[in-house]
Amino acid sequence: MSKGLIIFAREPVPGRVKTRLARKIGDQAAAELYAAMTKDVLDTVTGLTDVRRLLFWTAENYGIPAANAFPGFEVFAQQGVSLGDRMFDAFTRAFQGGLKTCCIIGTDSPDLPQRYIGKAFELLDRGDIDVVFGPAEDGGYYLLGLKQACNGFFELIPWGTPRVLDDSLERARHLGLRTALLPKWYDIDTQEDLLCLVASSDDSAPCTRDAIRRLLQVG
């Protein structure tokens, strides 16, 4: 297969995941919610065909999961200090493994439509597109698609700020890379985001919805 999807995830340790949300709902609840979000994302991408699924994991207590813990996924350890370092390393390893196009997502959008990921690969198949961004409502991006691990692409980006997408687009222009944008989507970062998800009428992200109802006693 020539297409790959990198998923960034981490061990759901209380106090180390969804820390902004944890200030409202507590560390344990935030960790349980994060585990549910991760499950939904992995279930969604399992439905993609002709795509290698590369799970890049950040471990805390138990190390990198065994390969049979996530059937259908190749499991790697994230390496690097900053988010940019870790993404560059993941893309580099993916392309060194023979991939021609590769996208990366995280676990903050458990109801991200699978068709958005499919559209990213369609755009990367075009000869006039080098980079695909999925804009997030908070100024970052929920998906990034590349055809090569570009040196310098992840440099000078203010990670964790509303400038991430704009500065990444400018970085792409500086490097002569042609870009395309997917429809905007949102990350779950606040309690209001949780309530918005559980109130929506579709049947996406079932594990996350169940966790919200159980932990917050809503819906």
Protein backbone atom coordinates (compact mmCIF):
# COMPACT_ATOMS: atom_id res chain seq x y z
CA MET A 1 0.00 0.00 0.00
CA SER A 2 1.25 3.47 -0.85
CA LYS A 3 -1.02 5.46 1.48
CA GLY A 4 -0.57 5.78 5.23
CA LEU A 5 -2.47 7.32 8.12
CA ILE A 6 -0.58 8.27 11.26
CA ILE A 7 -2.63 8.48 14.46
CA PHE A 8 -1.05 10.26 17.42
CA ALA A 9 -2.32 8.94 20.75
CA ARG A 10 -1.08 8.50 24.28
CA GLU A 11 -1.64 6.33 27.31
CA PRO A 12 -4.74 7.66 29.13
CA VAL A 13 -3.05 8.50 32.42
CA PRO A 14 -5.02 10.76 34.81
CA GLY A 15 -3.42 14.18 35.01
CA ARG A 16 -1.55 13.75 31.72
CA VAL A 17 -4.34 13.83 29.12
CA LYS A 18 -7.04 16.43 28.37
CA THR A 19 -5.67 18.62 31.16
CA ARG A 20 -7.71 21.67 30.19
CA LEU A 21 -10.89 19.62 30.36
CA ALA A 22 -9.73 17.96 33.58
CA ARG A 23 -9.91 21.29 35.39
CA LYS A 24 -13.69 21.07 34.95
CA ILE A 25 -14.43 17.35 35.22
CA GLY A 26 -11.44 15.96 37.13
CA ASP A 27 -8.33 14.02 36.12
CA GLN A 28 -9.90 10.54 36.28
CA ALA A 29 -12.95 11.50 34.25
CA ALA A 30 -10.77 13.25 31.67
CA ALA A 31 -8.60 10.13 31.32
CA GLU A 32 -11.64 7.88 30.87
CA LEU A 33 -13.05 10.27 28.31
CA TYR A 34 -9.74 10.38 26.43
CA ALA A 35 -9.67 6.57 26.28
CA ALA A 36 -13.18 6.60 24.78
CA MET A 37 -12.21 9.28 22.24
CA THR A 38 -9.19 7.24 21.20
CA LYS A 39 -11.34 4.14 20.75
CA ASP A 40 -13.76 6.03 18.51
CA VAL A 41 -10.98 7.46 16.35
CA LEU A 42 -9.35 4.05 15.90
CA ASP A 43 -12.70 2.47 15.06
CA THR A 44 -13.35 5.18 12.46
CA VAL A 45 -10.04 4.76 10.65
CA THR A 46 -10.30 0.98 10.68
CA GLY A 47 -12.94 1.44 7.99
CA LEU A 48 -10.45 3.01 5.58
CA THR A 49 -9.36 0.68 2.79
CA ASP A 50 -5.95 0.46 1.12
CA VAL A 51 -4.37 2.57 3.87
CA ARG A 52 -1.65 1.53 6.30
CA ARG A 53 -2.61 2.57 9.83
CA LEU A 54 0.36 3.74 11.90
CA LEU A 55 -0.36 4.32 15.59
CA PHE A 56 2.30 6.51 17.20
CA TRP A 57 2.00 6.18 20.97
CA THR A 58 3.26 8.19 23.91
CA ALA A 59 3.69 5.90 26.91
CA GLU A 60 3.63 6.80 30.59
CA ASN A 61 3.35 3.73 32.85
CA TYR A 62 3.09 0.64 30.71
CA GLY A 63 5.26 1.29 27.69
CA ILE A 64 4.33 0.84 24.06
CA PRO A 65 1.37 -1.54 23.58
CA ALA A 66 2.01 -4.94 22.08
CA ALA A 67 1.20 -5.21 18.38
CA ASN A 68 -1.80 -7.48 19.07
CA ALA A 69 -3.34 -4.83 21.34
CA PHE A 70 -4.45 -2.89 18.25
CA PRO A 71 -5.18 -5.33 15.41
CA GLY A 72 -4.72 -3.74 12.00
CA PHE A 73 -2.37 -1.05 13.32
CA GLU A 74 1.41 -0.81 13.28
CA VAL A 75 2.48 0.59 16.64
CA PHE A 76 5.44 2.93 17.16
CA ALA A 77 6.77 5.15 19.93
CA GLN A 78 6.58 8.89 19.41
CA GLN A 79 10.03 10.47 19.40
CA GLY A 80 10.97 14.12 19.80
CA VAL A 81 10.56 16.99 22.23
CA SER A 82 8.07 19.35 20.59
CA LEU A 83 4.94 18.38 18.70
CA GLY A 84 6.66 19.48 15.50
CA ASP A 85 9.65 17.24 16.25
CA ARG A 86 7.39 14.26 16.87
CA MET A 87 5.35 14.80 13.71
CA PHE A 88 8.45 15.22 11.56
CA ASP A 89 9.89 12.00 12.98
CA ALA A 90 6.62 10.12 12.36
CA PHE A 91 6.33 11.33 8.77
CA THR A 92 10.01 10.55 8.15
CA ARG A 93 9.61 6.98 9.34
CA ALA A 94 6.38 6.58 7.36
CA PHE A 95 7.96 7.70 4.09
CA GLN A 96 11.09 5.67 4.73
CA GLY A 97 8.73 2.69 4.98
CA GLY A 98 7.73 3.16 1.35
CA LEU A 99 4.62 5.33 1.56
CA LYS A 100 3.94 7.87 -1.19
CA THR A 101 1.27 9.92 0.61
CA CYS A 102 0.60 10.15 4.33
CA CYS A 103 -1.83 11.96 6.63
CA ILE A 104 -1.71 12.48 10.38
CA ILE A 105 -4.56 12.96 12.85
CA GLY A 106 -4.88 13.03 16.62
CA THR A 107 -7.59 11.85 18.99
CA ASP A 108 -9.26 15.17 19.82
CA SER A 109 -11.97 14.84 17.14
CA PRO A 110 -13.69 11.49 17.84
CA ASP A 111 -16.59 12.30 15.51
CA LEU A 112 -14.44 13.41 12.57
CA PRO A 113 -16.16 12.09 9.43
CA GLN A 114 -14.21 9.33 7.74
CA ARG A 115 -14.96 10.97 4.38
CA TYR A 116 -12.78 13.97 5.36
CA ILE A 117 -9.78 11.67 5.66
CA GLY A 118 -10.66 10.06 2.35
CA LYS A 119 -10.90 13.49 0.74
CA ALA A 120 -7.42 14.36 2.01
CA PHE A 121 -5.96 11.36 0.17
CA GLU A 122 -7.88 12.30 -2.97
CA LEU A 123 -6.35 15.78 -2.87
CA LEU A 124 -2.85 14.38 -2.31
CA ASP A 125 -3.28 12.23 -5.41
CA ARG A 126 -3.50 15.40 -7.50
CA GLY A 127 -0.37 16.66 -9.16
CA ASP A 128 -0.96 20.27 -8.12
CA ILE A 129 -1.29 19.66 -4.35
CA ASP A 130 1.63 19.03 -1.97
CA VAL A 131 0.06 19.62 1.45
CA VAL A 132 -3.48 19.17 2.80
CA PHE A 133 -4.71 20.81 6.00
CA GLY A 134 -7.88 20.08 7.92
CA PRO A 135 -8.56 23.41 9.69
CA ALA A 136 -9.72 23.22 13.30
CA GLU A 137 -12.03 25.81 14.78
CA ASP A 138 -9.41 26.77 17.39
CA GLY A 139 -6.87 27.92 14.77
CA GLY A 140 -4.93 24.67 14.56
CA TYR A 141 -5.51 21.71 12.29
CA TYR A 142 -7.10 18.30 12.86
CA LEU A 143 -5.37 16.69 9.87
CA LEU A 144 -2.19 17.21 7.91
CA GLY A 145 -1.39 15.39 4.69
CA LEU A 146 2.02 15.34 2.99
CA LYS A 147 3.84 13.73 0.09
CA GLN A 148 7.24 13.99 1.76
CA ALA A 149 8.73 14.78 5.16
CA CYS A 150 9.82 18.31 4.34
CA ASN A 151 12.82 19.68 6.20
CA GLY A 152 11.90 22.93 7.93
CA PHE A 153 8.14 22.49 7.52
CA PHE A 154 7.53 22.12 11.27
CA GLU A 155 9.94 24.84 12.34
CA LEU A 156 8.92 28.22 13.79
CA ILE A 157 5.33 27.09 14.48
CA PRO A 158 3.78 28.32 17.78
CA TRP A 159 2.25 24.99 18.83
CA GLY A 160 -0.80 25.22 21.05
CA THR A 161 -1.81 28.70 19.85
CA PRO A 162 -4.47 30.01 17.43
CA ARG A 163 -1.65 30.80 14.97
CA VAL A 164 -0.77 27.19 14.15
CA LEU A 165 -2.70 26.89 10.89
CA ASP A 166 -1.92 30.37 9.59
CA ASP A 167 1.78 30.03 10.35
CA SER A 168 1.86 26.52 8.85
CA LEU A 169 0.27 27.82 5.65
CA GLU A 170 2.87 30.57 5.52
CA ARG A 171 5.62 28.02 6.13
CA ALA A 172 4.30 25.94 3.23
CA ARG A 173 4.31 28.99 0.94
CA HIS A 174 7.86 29.80 2.03
CA LEU A 175 8.95 26.29 1.04
CA GLY A 176 7.11 26.44 -2.30
CA LEU A 177 4.52 23.83 -1.30
CA ARG A 178 1.04 23.98 -2.83
CA THR A 179 -1.75 23.62 -0.28
CA ALA A 180 -5.41 22.61 -0.09
CA LEU A 181 -7.93 22.87 2.75
CA LEU A 182 -10.55 20.42 3.94
CA PRO A 183 -13.79 21.56 5.60
CA LYS A 184 -13.40 22.98 9.09
CA TRP A 185 -14.00 20.71 12.09
CA TYR A 186 -13.58 21.02 15.85
CA ASP A 187 -11.51 19.52 18.66
CA ILE A 188 -12.98 18.53 22.00
CA ASP A 189 -11.20 20.73 24.52
CA THR A 190 -13.93 22.05 26.82
CA GLN A 191 -17.00 20.84 28.67
CA GLU A 192 -19.10 22.86 26.22
CA ASP A 193 -17.58 20.82 23.37
CA LEU A 194 -18.65 17.63 25.14
CA LEU A 195 -22.21 18.85 25.56
CA CYS A 196 -22.32 19.90 21.91
CA LEU A 197 -21.24 16.43 20.80
CA VAL A 198 -23.70 14.54 22.98
CA ALA A 199 -26.55 16.83 21.85
CA SER A 200 -25.89 16.26 18.13
CA SER A 201 -28.32 14.02 16.31
CA ASP A 202 -26.00 11.65 14.46
CA ASP A 203 -24.62 8.35 15.75
CA SER A 204 -20.90 9.10 15.49
CA ALA A 205 -18.40 8.59 18.32
CA PRO A 206 -20.53 6.13 20.33
CA CYS A 207 -17.88 5.42 22.95
CA THR A 208 -17.33 9.12 23.60
CA ARG A 209 -21.07 9.77 23.82
CA ASP A 210 -21.51 6.95 26.32
CA ALA A 211 -18.59 8.25 28.41
CA ILE A 212 -19.99 11.79 28.43
CA ARG A 213 -23.41 10.59 29.57
CA ARG A 214 -21.91 8.39 32.27
CA LEU A 215 -19.32 10.83 33.58
CA LEU A 216 -21.30 14.05 33.31
CA GLN A 217 -24.75 12.52 33.79
CA VAL A 218 -26.20 14.35 30.79
CA GLY A 219 -28.32 13.36 27.83
